[in-house]
């Protein structure tokens, strides 16, 4: 029994599973963000809000003991003329097998996204 526990703990989560769970939390977060837009700002909301995975990195070895991966997602949900988006940082917690959101910021568009057509 102890050997089985060590094997389960020693094995990380598959990259496919981590990406699937990131997709799930991103969709959920986008819904939550849209619910938080004040009624007075509803007219500034995009017809098709979306997000992009700006950064994604998987860890291995000792670096992956606590967190197996990290990701930065940028959520676009307001009229581009407002030049505001939400940037959220996540890390995949090995022990629980879930993405942990650890930073949320409302920011101006990152430079690499300026001038990109709205989806």
PDB file of N, CA and C in Angstrom:
ATOM      1  N   UNK A   1       0.830  -1.185   0.000  1.00  0.00           N
ATOM      2  CA  UNK A   1       0.000   0.000   0.000  1.00  0.00           C
ATOM      3  C   UNK A   1       0.877   1.252   0.000  1.00  0.00           C
ATOM      4  N   UNK A   2       1.918   1.266   0.827  1.00  0.00           N
ATOM      5  CA  UNK A   2       2.810   2.422   0.903  1.00  0.00           C
ATOM      6  C   UNK A   2       3.537   2.626  -0.418  1.00  0.00           C
ATOM      7  N   UNK A   3       3.914   1.523  -1.067  1.00  0.00           N
ATOM      8  CA  UNK A   3       4.605   1.625  -2.359  1.00  0.00           C
ATOM      9  C   UNK A   3       3.676   2.261  -3.381  1.00  0.00           C
ATOM     10  N   UNK A   4       2.412   1.859  -3.380  1.00  0.00           N
ATOM     11  CA  UNK A   4       1.443   2.429  -4.307  1.00  0.00           C
ATOM     12  C   UNK A   4       1.276   3.923  -4.072  1.00  0.00           C
ATOM     13  N   UNK A   5       1.235   4.348  -2.819  1.00  0.00           N
ATOM     14  CA  UNK A   5       1.107   5.771  -2.497  1.00  0.00           C
ATOM     15  C   UNK A   5       2.308   6.549  -3.008  1.00  0.00           C
ATOM     16  N   UNK A   6       3.506   5.993  -2.851  1.00  0.00           N
ATOM     17  CA  UNK A   6       4.717   6.652  -3.336  1.00  0.00           C
ATOM     18  C   UNK A   6       4.684   6.764  -4.854  1.00  0.00           C
ATOM     19  N   UNK A   7       4.215   5.726  -5.524  1.00  0.00           N
ATOM     20  CA  UNK A   7       4.130   5.762  -6.984  1.00  0.00           C
ATOM     21  C   UNK A   7       3.147   6.816  -7.460  1.00  0.00           C
ATOM     22  N   UNK A   8       2.006   6.909  -6.793  1.00  0.00           N
ATOM     23  CA  UNK A   8       1.000   7.911  -7.181  1.00  0.00           C
ATOM     24  C   UNK A   8       1.526   9.315  -6.936  1.00  0.00           C
ATOM     25  N   UNK A   9       2.148   9.525  -5.778  1.00  0.00           N
ATOM     26  CA  UNK A   9       2.698  10.842  -5.460  1.00  0.00           C
ATOM     27  C   UNK A   9       3.858  11.170  -6.391  1.00  0.00           C
ATOM     28  N   UNK A  10       4.658  10.167  -6.719  1.00  0.00           N
ATOM     29  CA  UNK A  10       5.826  10.381  -7.573  1.00  0.00           C
ATOM     30  C   UNK A  10       5.464  10.713  -9.003  1.00  0.00           C
ATOM     31  N   UNK A  11       4.322  10.240  -9.450  1.00  0.00           N
ATOM     32  CA  UNK A  11       3.894  10.505 -10.820  1.00  0.00           C
ATOM     33  C   UNK A  11       3.186  11.844 -10.880  1.00  0.00           C
ATOM     34  N   UNK A  12       3.542  12.631 -11.836  1.00  0.00           N
ATOM     35  CA  UNK A  12       2.876  13.907 -11.997  1.00  0.00           C
ATOM     36  C   UNK A  12       1.613  13.758 -12.818  1.00  0.00           C
ATOM     37  N   UNK A  13       0.925  14.842 -12.982  1.00  0.00           N
ATOM     38  CA  UNK A  13      -0.269  14.876 -13.813  1.00  0.00           C
ATOM     39  C   UNK A  13       0.166  14.985 -15.271  1.00  0.00           C
ATOM     40  N   UNK A  14      -0.564  14.330 -16.151  1.00  0.00           N
ATOM     41  CA  UNK A  14      -0.191  14.371 -17.565  1.00  0.00           C
ATOM     42  C   UNK A  14      -0.371  15.790 -18.113  1.00  0.00           C
ATOM     43  N   UNK A  15       0.444  16.174 -19.082  1.00  0.00           N
ATOM     44  CA  UNK A  15       0.301  17.505 -19.688  1.00  0.00           C
ATOM     45  C   UNK A  15      -1.093  17.727 -20.275  1.00  0.00           C
ATOM     46  N   UNK A  16      -1.681  16.685 -20.847  1.00  0.00           N
ATOM     47  CA  UNK A  16      -3.021  16.815 -21.429  1.00  0.00           C
ATOM     48  C   UNK A  16      -4.047  17.147 -20.350  1.00  0.00           C
ATOM     49  N   UNK A  17      -3.929  16.476 -19.202  1.00  0.00           N
ATOM     50  CA  UNK A  17      -4.853  16.724 -18.096  1.00  0.00           C
ATOM     51  C   UNK A  17      -4.685  18.146 -17.569  1.00  0.00           C
ATOM     52  N   UNK A  18      -3.436  18.582 -17.417  1.00  0.00           N
ATOM     53  CA  UNK A  18      -3.205  19.948 -16.924  1.00  0.00           C
ATOM     54  C   UNK A  18      -3.798  20.970 -17.884  1.00  0.00           C
ATOM     55  N   UNK A  19      -3.606  20.773 -19.185  1.00  0.00           N
ATOM     56  CA  UNK A  19      -4.133  21.720 -20.171  1.00  0.00           C
ATOM     57  C   UNK A  19      -5.653  21.709 -20.189  1.00  0.00           C
ATOM     58  N   UNK A  20      -6.239  20.529 -20.042  1.00  0.00           N
ATOM     59  CA  UNK A  20      -7.705  20.427 -20.005  1.00  0.00           C
ATOM     60  C   UNK A  20      -8.251  21.165 -18.789  1.00  0.00           C
ATOM     61  N   UNK A  21      -7.612  20.993 -17.651  1.00  0.00           N
ATOM     62  CA  UNK A  21      -8.072  21.662 -16.425  1.00  0.00           C
ATOM     63  C   UNK A  21      -7.851  23.174 -16.507  1.00  0.00           C
ATOM     64  N   UNK A  22      -6.789  23.598 -17.189  1.00  0.00           N
ATOM     65  CA  UNK A  22      -6.571  25.035 -17.389  1.00  0.00           C
ATOM     66  C   UNK A  22      -7.690  25.609 -18.244  1.00  0.00           C
ATOM     67  N   UNK A  23      -8.060  24.893 -19.283  1.00  0.00           N
ATOM     68  CA  UNK A  23      -9.161  25.318 -20.155  1.00  0.00           C
ATOM     69  C   UNK A  23     -10.454  25.452 -19.347  1.00  0.00           C
ATOM     70  N   UNK A  24     -10.706  24.506 -18.458  1.00  0.00           N
ATOM     71  CA  UNK A  24     -11.918  24.533 -17.641  1.00  0.00           C
ATOM     72  C   UNK A  24     -11.939  25.743 -16.713  1.00  0.00           C
ATOM     73  N   UNK A  25     -10.833  26.006 -16.021  1.00  0.00           N
ATOM     74  CA  UNK A  25     -10.811  27.150 -15.097  1.00  0.00           C
ATOM     75  C   UNK A  25     -10.850  28.463 -15.873  1.00  0.00           C
ATOM     76  N   UNK A  26     -10.244  28.504 -17.067  1.00  0.00           N
ATOM     77  CA  UNK A  26     -10.266  29.727 -17.877  1.00  0.00           C
ATOM     78  C   UNK A  26     -11.691  30.060 -18.320  1.00  0.00           C
ATOM     79  N   UNK A  27     -12.429  29.045 -18.769  1.00  0.00           N
ATOM     80  CA  UNK A  27     -13.821  29.275 -19.184  1.00  0.00           C
ATOM     81  C   UNK A  27     -14.667  29.738 -18.000  1.00  0.00           C
ATOM     82  N   UNK A  28     -14.458  29.123 -16.862  1.00  0.00           N
ATOM     83  CA  UNK A  28     -15.189  29.504 -15.654  1.00  0.00           C
ATOM     84  C   UNK A  28     -14.839  30.931 -15.231  1.00  0.00           C
ATOM     85  N   UNK A  29     -13.548  31.270 -15.279  1.00  0.00           N
ATOM     86  CA  UNK A  29     -13.121  32.620 -14.908  1.00  0.00           C
ATOM     87  C   UNK A  29     -13.688  33.664 -15.866  1.00  0.00           C
ATOM     88  N   UNK A  30     -13.740  33.346 -17.153  1.00  0.00           N
ATOM     89  CA  UNK A  30     -14.298  34.294 -18.117  1.00  0.00           C
ATOM     90  C   UNK A  30     -15.769  34.565 -17.801  1.00  0.00           C
ATOM     91  N   UNK A  31     -16.517  33.521 -17.471  1.00  0.00           N
ATOM     92  CA  UNK A  31     -17.928  33.709 -17.085  1.00  0.00           C
ATOM     93  C   UNK A  31     -18.028  34.600 -15.848  1.00  0.00           C
ATOM     94  N   UNK A  32     -17.176  34.343 -14.859  1.00  0.00           N
ATOM     95  CA  UNK A  32     -17.185  35.143 -13.633  1.00  0.00           C
ATOM     96  C   UNK A  32     -16.836  36.603 -13.904  1.00  0.00           C
ATOM     97  N   UNK A  33     -15.850  36.824 -14.761  1.00  0.00           N
ATOM     98  CA  UNK A  33     -15.450  38.192 -15.113  1.00  0.00           C
ATOM     99  C   UNK A  33     -16.632  38.927 -15.738  1.00  0.00           C
ATOM    100  N   UNK A  34     -17.319  38.267 -16.649  1.00  0.00           N
ATOM    101  CA  UNK A  34     -18.448  38.905 -17.335  1.00  0.00           C
ATOM    102  C   UNK A  34     -19.589  39.220 -16.377  1.00  0.00           C
ATOM    103  N   UNK A  35     -19.794  38.375 -15.381  1.00  0.00           N
ATOM    104  CA  UNK A  35     -20.836  38.632 -14.381  1.00  0.00           C
ATOM    105  C   UNK A  35     -20.497  39.839 -13.510  1.00  0.00           C
ATOM    106  N   UNK A  36     -19.205  40.131 -13.374  1.00  0.00           N
ATOM    107  CA  UNK A  36     -18.762  41.233 -12.522  1.00  0.00           C
ATOM    108  C   UNK A  36     -18.745  42.589 -13.232  1.00  0.00           C
ATOM    109  N   UNK A  37     -18.965  42.594 -14.555  1.00  0.00           N
ATOM    110  CA  UNK A  37     -19.000  43.863 -15.283  1.00  0.00           C
ATOM    111  C   UNK A  37     -20.231  44.634 -14.827  1.00  0.00           C
ATOM    112  N   UNK A  38     -20.042  45.851 -14.331  1.00  0.00           N
ATOM    113  CA  UNK A  38     -21.188  46.631 -13.844  1.00  0.00           C
ATOM    114  C   UNK A  38     -22.212  46.895 -14.950  1.00  0.00           C
ATOM    115  N   UNK A  39     -23.445  47.029 -14.545  1.00  0.00           N
ATOM    116  CA  UNK A  39     -24.531  47.273 -15.501  1.00  0.00           C
ATOM    117  C   UNK A  39     -24.240  48.502 -16.371  1.00  0.00           C
ATOM    118  N   UNK A  40     -23.642  49.532 -15.786  1.00  0.00           N
ATOM    119  CA  UNK A  40     -23.337  50.765 -16.528  1.00  0.00           C
ATOM    120  C   UNK A  40     -22.266  50.553 -17.600  1.00  0.00           C
ATOM    121  N   UNK A  41     -21.516  49.458 -17.514  1.00  0.00           N
ATOM    122  CA  UNK A  41     -20.448  49.199 -18.487  1.00  0.00           C
ATOM    123  C   UNK A  41     -20.807  48.083 -19.469  1.00  0.00           C
ATOM    124  N   UNK A  42     -22.016  47.552 -19.384  1.00  0.00           N
ATOM    125  CA  UNK A  42     -22.419  46.435 -20.256  1.00  0.00           C
ATOM    126  C   UNK A  42     -22.304  46.799 -21.737  1.00  0.00           C
ATOM    127  N   UNK A  43     -22.512  48.051 -22.080  1.00  0.00           N
ATOM    128  CA  UNK A  43     -22.432  48.455 -23.490  1.00  0.00           C
ATOM    129  C   UNK A  43     -20.989  48.439 -24.003  1.00  0.00           C
ATOM    130  N   UNK A  44     -20.022  48.440 -23.104  1.00  0.00           N
ATOM    131  CA  UNK A  44     -18.611  48.411 -23.500  1.00  0.00           C
ATOM    132  C   UNK A  44     -18.078  46.982 -23.614  1.00  0.00           C
ATOM    133  N   UNK A  45     -18.938  46.006 -23.352  1.00  0.00           N
ATOM    134  CA  UNK A  45     -18.518  44.607 -23.383  1.00  0.00           C
ATOM    135  C   UNK A  45     -18.413  44.117 -24.826  1.00  0.00           C
ATOM    136  N   UNK A  46     -17.407  43.299 -25.098  1.00  0.00           N
ATOM    137  CA  UNK A  46     -17.251  42.704 -26.424  1.00  0.00           C
ATOM    138  C   UNK A  46     -18.402  41.752 -26.719  1.00  0.00           C
ATOM    139  N   UNK A  47     -18.761  41.647 -27.984  1.00  0.00           N
ATOM    140  CA  UNK A  47     -19.799  40.702 -28.382  1.00  0.00           C
ATOM    141  C   UNK A  47     -19.324  39.265 -28.147  1.00  0.00           C
ATOM    142  N   UNK A  48     -18.029  39.024 -28.371  1.00  0.00           N
ATOM    143  CA  UNK A  48     -17.449  37.691 -28.160  1.00  0.00           C
ATOM    144  C   UNK A  48     -16.213  37.808 -27.270  1.00  0.00           C
ATOM    145  N   UNK A  49     -16.400  37.897 -25.958  1.00  0.00           N
ATOM    146  CA  UNK A  49     -15.244  37.945 -25.054  1.00  0.00           C
ATOM    147  C   UNK A  49     -14.415  36.664 -25.211  1.00  0.00           C
ATOM    148  N   UNK A  50     -13.117  36.785 -24.995  1.00  0.00           N
ATOM    149  CA  UNK A  50     -12.230  35.633 -25.160  1.00  0.00           C
ATOM    150  C   UNK A  50     -10.998  35.798 -24.286  1.00  0.00           C
ATOM    151  N   UNK A  51     -10.192  34.758 -24.262  1.00  0.00           N
ATOM    152  CA  UNK A  51      -8.928  34.801 -23.533  1.00  0.00           C
ATOM    153  C   UNK A  51      -7.863  34.121 -24.381  1.00  0.00           C
ATOM    154  N   UNK A  52      -6.621  34.441 -24.079  1.00  0.00           N
ATOM    155  CA  UNK A  52      -5.487  33.772 -24.721  1.00  0.00           C
ATOM    156  C   UNK A  52      -4.542  33.285 -23.627  1.00  0.00           C
ATOM    157  N   UNK A  53      -3.917  32.168 -23.902  1.00  0.00           N
ATOM    158  CA  UNK A  53      -2.879  31.671 -22.999  1.00  0.00           C
ATOM    159  C   UNK A  53      -1.601  32.383 -23.419  1.00  0.00           C
ATOM    160  N   UNK A  54      -1.193  33.340 -22.623  1.00  0.00           N
ATOM    161  CA  UNK A  54      -0.037  34.174 -22.940  1.00  0.00           C
ATOM    162  C   UNK A  54       1.274  33.450 -22.641  1.00  0.00           C
ATOM    163  N   UNK A  55       1.311  32.726 -21.536  1.00  0.00           N
ATOM    164  CA  UNK A  55       2.501  31.959 -21.148  1.00  0.00           C
ATOM    165  C   UNK A  55       2.045  30.621 -20.585  1.00  0.00           C
ATOM    166  N   UNK A  56       2.811  29.576 -20.877  1.00  0.00           N
ATOM    167  CA  UNK A  56       2.535  28.255 -20.309  1.00  0.00           C
ATOM    168  C   UNK A  56       3.872  27.543 -20.163  1.00  0.00           C
ATOM    169  N   UNK A  57       4.115  27.019 -18.967  1.00  0.00           N
ATOM    170  CA  UNK A  57       5.391  26.362 -18.692  1.00  0.00           C
ATOM    171  C   UNK A  57       5.160  25.181 -17.762  1.00  0.00           C
ATOM    172  N   UNK A  58       5.693  24.022 -18.128  1.00  0.00           N
ATOM    173  CA  UNK A  58       5.618  22.839 -17.268  1.00  0.00           C
ATOM    174  C   UNK A  58       6.967  22.647 -16.596  1.00  0.00           C
ATOM    175  N   UNK A  59       6.940  22.215 -15.343  1.00  0.00           N
ATOM    176  CA  UNK A  59       8.160  22.009 -14.574  1.00  0.00           C
ATOM    177  C   UNK A  59       8.468  20.513 -14.472  1.00  0.00           C
ATOM    178  N   UNK A  60       9.706  20.200 -14.184  1.00  0.00           N
ATOM    179  CA  UNK A  60      10.097  18.808 -13.983  1.00  0.00           C
ATOM    180  C   UNK A  60      11.122  18.736 -12.861  1.00  0.00           C
ATOM    181  N   UNK A  61      11.365  17.536 -12.402  1.00  0.00           N
ATOM    182  CA  UNK A  61      12.358  17.332 -11.351  1.00  0.00           C
ATOM    183  C   UNK A  61      11.950  17.994 -10.051  1.00  0.00           C
ATOM    184  N   UNK A  62      12.964  18.467  -9.316  1.00  0.00           N
ATOM    185  CA  UNK A  62      12.711  19.097  -8.018  1.00  0.00           C
ATOM    186  C   UNK A  62      11.836  20.339  -8.131  1.00  0.00           C
ATOM    187  N   UNK A  63      11.913  21.020  -9.249  1.00  0.00           N
ATOM    188  CA  UNK A  63      11.118  22.230  -9.457  1.00  0.00           C
ATOM    189  C   UNK A  63       9.627  21.903  -9.419  1.00  0.00           C
ATOM    190  N   UNK A  64       9.252  20.667  -9.768  1.00  0.00           N
ATOM    191  CA  UNK A  64       7.842  20.276  -9.846  1.00  0.00           C
ATOM    192  C   UNK A  64       7.314  19.627  -8.569  1.00  0.00           C
ATOM    193  N   UNK A  65       8.035  19.711  -7.497  1.00  0.00           N
ATOM    194  CA  UNK A  65       7.574  19.062  -6.258  1.00  0.00           C
ATOM    195  C   UNK A  65       6.269  19.649  -5.743  1.00  0.00           C
ATOM    196  N   UNK A  66       6.126  20.944  -5.795  1.00  0.00           N
ATOM    197  CA  UNK A  66       4.907  21.593  -5.307  1.00  0.00           C
ATOM    198  C   UNK A  66       4.005  21.995  -6.476  1.00  0.00           C
ATOM    199  N   UNK A  67       4.559  22.663  -7.469  1.00  0.00           N
ATOM    200  CA  UNK A  67       3.801  23.118  -8.626  1.00  0.00           C
ATOM    201  C   UNK A  67       4.371  22.489  -9.887  1.00  0.00           C
ATOM    202  N   UNK A  68       3.483  21.903 -10.702  1.00  0.00           N
ATOM    203  CA  UNK A  68       3.920  21.219 -11.918  1.00  0.00           C
ATOM    204  C   UNK A  68       3.948  22.129 -13.140  1.00  0.00           C
ATOM    205  N   UNK A  69       3.224  23.242 -13.081  1.00  0.00           N
ATOM    206  CA  UNK A  69       3.161  24.132 -14.236  1.00  0.00           C
ATOM    207  C   UNK A  69       2.701  25.508 -13.791  1.00  0.00           C
ATOM    208  N   UNK A  70       2.901  26.474 -14.683  1.00  0.00           N
ATOM    209  CA  UNK A  70       2.375  27.817 -14.458  1.00  0.00           C
ATOM    210  C   UNK A  70       1.855  28.339 -15.784  1.00  0.00           C
ATOM    211  N   UNK A  71       0.898  29.249 -15.698  1.00  0.00           N
ATOM    212  CA  UNK A  71       0.305  29.821 -16.901  1.00  0.00           C
ATOM    213  C   UNK A  71      -0.126  31.254 -16.620  1.00  0.00           C
ATOM    214  N   UNK A  72      -0.083  32.064 -17.667  1.00  0.00           N
ATOM    215  CA  UNK A  72      -0.586  33.436 -17.605  1.00  0.00           C
ATOM    216  C   UNK A  72      -1.617  33.560 -18.722  1.00  0.00           C
ATOM    217  N   UNK A  73      -2.832  33.940 -18.347  1.00  0.00           N
ATOM    218  CA  UNK A  73      -3.900  34.107 -19.315  1.00  0.00           C
ATOM    219  C   UNK A  73      -4.323  35.568 -19.356  1.00  0.00           C
ATOM    220  N   UNK A  74      -4.628  36.044 -20.562  1.00  0.00           N
ATOM    221  CA  UNK A  74      -5.099  37.417 -20.747  1.00  0.00           C
ATOM    222  C   UNK A  74      -6.543  37.336 -21.233  1.00  0.00           C
ATOM    223  N   UNK A  75      -7.441  37.990 -20.495  1.00  0.00           N
ATOM    224  CA  UNK A  75      -8.866  37.970 -20.802  1.00  0.00           C
ATOM    225  C   UNK A  75      -9.255  39.302 -21.447  1.00  0.00           C
ATOM    226  N   UNK A  76      -9.826  39.212 -22.642  1.00  0.00           N
ATOM    227  CA  UNK A  76     -10.299  40.380 -23.375  1.00  0.00           C
ATOM    228  C   UNK A  76     -11.821  40.340 -23.366  1.00  0.00           C
ATOM    229  N   UNK A  77     -12.432  41.349 -22.768  1.00  0.00           N
ATOM    230  CA  UNK A  77     -13.892  41.348 -22.657  1.00  0.00           C
ATOM    231  C   UNK A  77     -14.512  42.731 -22.808  1.00  0.00           C
ATOM    232  N   UNK A  78     -13.673  43.756 -22.901  1.00  0.00           N
ATOM    233  CA  UNK A  78     -14.170  45.122 -23.070  1.00  0.00           C
ATOM    234  C   UNK A  78     -13.769  45.670 -24.437  1.00  0.00           C
ATOM    235  N   UNK A  79     -14.460  46.689 -24.877  1.00  0.00           N
ATOM    236  CA  UNK A  79     -14.153  47.346 -26.153  1.00  0.00           C
ATOM    237  C   UNK A  79     -12.660  47.655 -26.214  1.00  0.00           C
ATOM    238  N   UNK A  80     -11.989  47.279 -27.315  1.00  0.00           N
ATOM    239  CA  UNK A  80     -10.539  47.510 -27.422  1.00  0.00           C
ATOM    240  C   UNK A  80     -10.128  48.974 -27.271  1.00  0.00           C
ATOM    241  N   UNK A  81     -11.033  49.901 -27.556  1.00  0.00           N
ATOM    242  CA  UNK A  81     -10.696  51.316 -27.402  1.00  0.00           C
ATOM    243  C   UNK A  81     -10.443  51.688 -25.946  1.00  0.00           C
ATOM    244  N   UNK A  82     -10.969  50.902 -25.030  1.00  0.00           N
ATOM    245  CA  UNK A  82     -10.721  51.144 -23.610  1.00  0.00           C
ATOM    246  C   UNK A  82      -9.328  50.681 -23.197  1.00  0.00           C
ATOM    247  N   UNK A  83      -8.727  49.811 -24.011  1.00  0.00           N
ATOM    248  CA  UNK A  83      -7.366  49.322 -23.784  1.00  0.00           C
ATOM    249  C   UNK A  83      -7.205  48.703 -22.382  1.00  0.00           C
ATOM    250  N   UNK A  84      -8.194  47.911 -21.979  1.00  0.00           N
ATOM    251  CA  UNK A  84      -8.134  47.237 -20.683  1.00  0.00           C
ATOM    252  C   UNK A  84      -8.412  45.750 -20.851  1.00  0.00           C
ATOM    253  N   UNK A  85      -7.646  44.957 -20.143  1.00  0.00           N
ATOM    254  CA  UNK A  85      -7.853  43.521 -20.124  1.00  0.00           C
ATOM    255  C   UNK A  85      -7.516  43.027 -18.720  1.00  0.00           C
ATOM    256  N   UNK A  86      -7.827  41.785 -18.467  1.00  0.00           N
ATOM    257  CA  UNK A  86      -7.504  41.221 -17.168  1.00  0.00           C
ATOM    258  C   UNK A  86      -6.439  40.141 -17.372  1.00  0.00           C
ATOM    259  N   UNK A  87      -5.389  40.216 -16.576  1.00  0.00           N
ATOM    260  CA  UNK A  87      -4.302  39.237 -16.645  1.00  0.00           C
ATOM    261  C   UNK A  87      -4.363  38.414 -15.365  1.00  0.00           C
ATOM    262  N   UNK A  88      -4.456  37.106 -15.556  1.00  0.00           N
ATOM    263  CA  UNK A  88      -4.528  36.198 -14.405  1.00  0.00           C
ATOM    264  C   UNK A  88      -3.400  35.181 -14.491  1.00  0.00           C
ATOM    265  N   UNK A  89      -2.766  34.943 -13.342  1.00  0.00           N
ATOM    266  CA  UNK A  89      -1.674  33.975 -13.263  1.00  0.00           C
ATOM    267  C   UNK A  89      -2.146  32.760 -12.479  1.00  0.00           C
ATOM    268  N   UNK A  90      -1.740  31.597 -12.963  1.00  0.00           N
ATOM    269  CA  UNK A  90      -2.138  30.327 -12.364  1.00  0.00           C
ATOM    270  C   UNK A  90      -0.902  29.442 -12.186  1.00  0.00           C
ATOM    271  N   UNK A  91      -1.017  28.513 -11.227  1.00  0.00           N
ATOM    272  CA  UNK A  91       0.001  27.479 -11.072  1.00  0.00           C
ATOM    273  C   UNK A  91      -0.730  26.185 -10.740  1.00  0.00           C
ATOM    274  N   UNK A  92      -0.218  25.087 -11.283  1.00  0.00           N
ATOM    275  CA  UNK A  92      -0.863  23.789 -11.105  1.00  0.00           C
ATOM    276  C   UNK A  92      -0.285  23.118  -9.877  1.00  0.00           C
ATOM    277  N   UNK A  93      -1.115  22.965  -8.855  1.00  0.00           N
ATOM    278  CA  UNK A  93      -0.693  22.402  -7.579  1.00  0.00           C
ATOM    279  C   UNK A  93      -0.663  20.876  -7.675  1.00  0.00           C
ATOM    280  N   UNK A  94       0.522  20.335  -7.512  1.00  0.00           N
ATOM    281  CA  UNK A  94       0.719  18.899  -7.656  1.00  0.00           C
ATOM    282  C   UNK A  94      -0.114  18.083  -6.673  1.00  0.00           C
ATOM    283  N   UNK A  95      -0.165  18.487  -5.415  1.00  0.00           N
ATOM    284  CA  UNK A  95      -0.826  17.698  -4.376  1.00  0.00           C
ATOM    285  C   UNK A  95      -2.336  17.567  -4.598  1.00  0.00           C
ATOM    286  N   UNK A  96      -2.971  18.610  -5.100  1.00  0.00           N
ATOM    287  CA  UNK A  96      -4.422  18.578  -5.282  1.00  0.00           C
ATOM    288  C   UNK A  96      -4.835  18.367  -6.732  1.00  0.00           C
ATOM    289  N   UNK A  97      -3.904  18.560  -7.660  1.00  0.00           N
ATOM    290  CA  UNK A  97      -4.229  18.368  -9.069  1.00  0.00           C
ATOM    291  C   UNK A  97      -5.148  19.431  -9.639  1.00  0.00           C
ATOM    292  N   UNK A  98      -5.058  20.649  -9.081  1.00  0.00           N
ATOM    293  CA  UNK A  98      -5.890  21.747  -9.576  1.00  0.00           C
ATOM    294  C   UNK A  98      -5.036  22.991  -9.838  1.00  0.00           C
ATOM    295  N   UNK A  99      -5.567  23.862 -10.687  1.00  0.00           N
ATOM    296  CA  UNK A  99      -4.920  25.142 -10.943  1.00  0.00           C
ATOM    297  C   UNK A  99      -5.261  26.105  -9.818  1.00  0.00           C
ATOM    298  N   UNK A 100      -4.238  26.773  -9.321  1.00  0.00           N
ATOM    299  CA  UNK A 100      -4.350  27.732  -8.229  1.00  0.00           C
ATOM    300  C   UNK A 100      -4.144  29.125  -8.829  1.00  0.00           C
ATOM    301  N   UNK A 101      -5.162  29.976  -8.753  1.00  0.00           N
ATOM    302  CA  UNK A 101      -5.035  31.347  -9.257  1.00  0.00           C
ATOM    303  C   UNK A 101      -4.338  32.165  -8.181  1.00  0.00           C
ATOM    304  N   UNK A 102      -3.210  32.792  -8.518  1.00  0.00           N
ATOM    305  CA  UNK A 102      -2.483  33.516  -7.482  1.00  0.00           C
ATOM    306  C   UNK A 102      -2.267  34.989  -7.781  1.00  0.00           C
ATOM    307  N   UNK A 103      -2.736  35.470  -8.909  1.00  0.00           N
ATOM    308  CA  UNK A 103      -2.591  36.901  -9.193  1.00  0.00           C
ATOM    309  C   UNK A 103      -3.626  37.310 -10.234  1.00  0.00           C
ATOM    310  N   UNK A 104      -4.301  38.430  -9.988  1.00  0.00           N
ATOM    311  CA  UNK A 104      -5.297  38.973 -10.911  1.00  0.00           C
ATOM    312  C   UNK A 104      -5.051  40.467 -11.013  1.00  0.00           C
ATOM    313  N   UNK A 105      -4.914  40.962 -12.255  1.00  0.00           N
ATOM    314  CA  UNK A 105      -4.676  42.395 -12.454  1.00  0.00           C
ATOM    315  C   UNK A 105      -5.487  42.902 -13.637  1.00  0.00           C
ATOM    316  N   UNK A 106      -6.060  44.075 -13.477  1.00  0.00           N
ATOM    317  CA  UNK A 106      -6.675  44.788 -14.590  1.00  0.00           C
ATOM    318  C   UNK A 106      -5.572  45.664 -15.163  1.00  0.00           C
ATOM    319  N   UNK A 107      -5.254  45.482 -16.447  1.00  0.00           N
ATOM    320  CA  UNK A 107      -4.117  46.197 -17.039  1.00  0.00           C
ATOM    321  C   UNK A 107      -4.445  46.681 -18.440  1.00  0.00           C
ATOM    322  N   UNK A 108      -3.599  47.581 -18.925  1.00  0.00           N
ATOM    323  CA  UNK A 108      -3.663  47.951 -20.339  1.00  0.00           C
ATOM    324  C   UNK A 108      -3.168  46.763 -21.145  1.00  0.00           C
ATOM    325  N   UNK A 109      -3.589  46.687 -22.403  1.00  0.00           N
ATOM    326  CA  UNK A 109      -3.181  45.564 -23.246  1.00  0.00           C
ATOM    327  C   UNK A 109      -1.665  45.414 -23.232  1.00  0.00           C
ATOM    328  N   UNK A 110      -1.171  44.197 -23.090  1.00  0.00           N
ATOM    329  CA  UNK A 110       0.271  43.987 -23.275  1.00  0.00           C
ATOM    330  C   UNK A 110       0.642  44.421 -24.703  1.00  0.00           C
ATOM    331  N   UNK A 111       1.812  44.973 -24.876  1.00  0.00           N
ATOM    332  CA  UNK A 111       2.217  45.522 -26.182  1.00  0.00           C
ATOM    333  C   UNK A 111       2.048  44.538 -27.320  1.00  0.00           C
ATOM    334  N   UNK A 112       2.305  43.259 -27.075  1.00  0.00           N
ATOM    335  CA  UNK A 112       2.220  42.290 -28.174  1.00  0.00           C
ATOM    336  C   UNK A 112       0.793  42.075 -28.660  1.00  0.00           C
ATOM    337  N   UNK A 113      -0.205  42.550 -27.903  1.00  0.00           N
ATOM    338  CA  UNK A 113      -1.599  42.397 -28.329  1.00  0.00           C
ATOM    339  C   UNK A 113      -2.205  43.666 -28.874  1.00  0.00           C
ATOM    340  N   UNK A 114      -1.484  44.756 -28.880  1.00  0.00           N
ATOM    341  CA  UNK A 114      -2.000  46.008 -29.435  1.00  0.00           C
ATOM    342  C   UNK A 114      -2.161  45.854 -30.939  1.00  0.00           C
ATOM    343  N   UNK A 115      -3.288  46.303 -31.441  1.00  0.00           N
ATOM    344  CA  UNK A 115      -3.522  46.273 -32.879  1.00  0.00           C
ATOM    345  C   UNK A 115      -4.027  44.938 -33.411  1.00  0.00           C
ATOM    346  N   UNK A 116      -4.216  43.948 -32.552  1.00  0.00           N
ATOM    347  CA  UNK A 116      -4.738  42.666 -33.006  1.00  0.00           C
ATOM    348  C   UNK A 116      -6.256  42.785 -33.099  1.00  0.00           C
ATOM    349  N   UNK A 117      -6.803  42.267 -34.190  1.00  0.00           N
ATOM    350  CA  UNK A 117      -8.244  42.348 -34.390  1.00  0.00           C
ATOM    351  C   UNK A 117      -8.969  41.542 -33.326  1.00  0.00           C
ATOM    352  N   UNK A 118     -10.127  42.045 -32.936  1.00  0.00           N
ATOM    353  CA  UNK A 118     -10.957  41.370 -31.939  1.00  0.00           C
ATOM    354  C   UNK A 118     -11.575  40.146 -32.596  1.00  0.00           C
ATOM    355  N   UNK A 119     -11.582  39.041 -31.869  1.00  0.00           N
ATOM    356  CA  UNK A 119     -12.183  37.797 -32.394  1.00  0.00           C
ATOM    357  C   UNK A 119     -13.684  37.912 -32.460  1.00  0.00           C
TER     358      UNK A 119
END
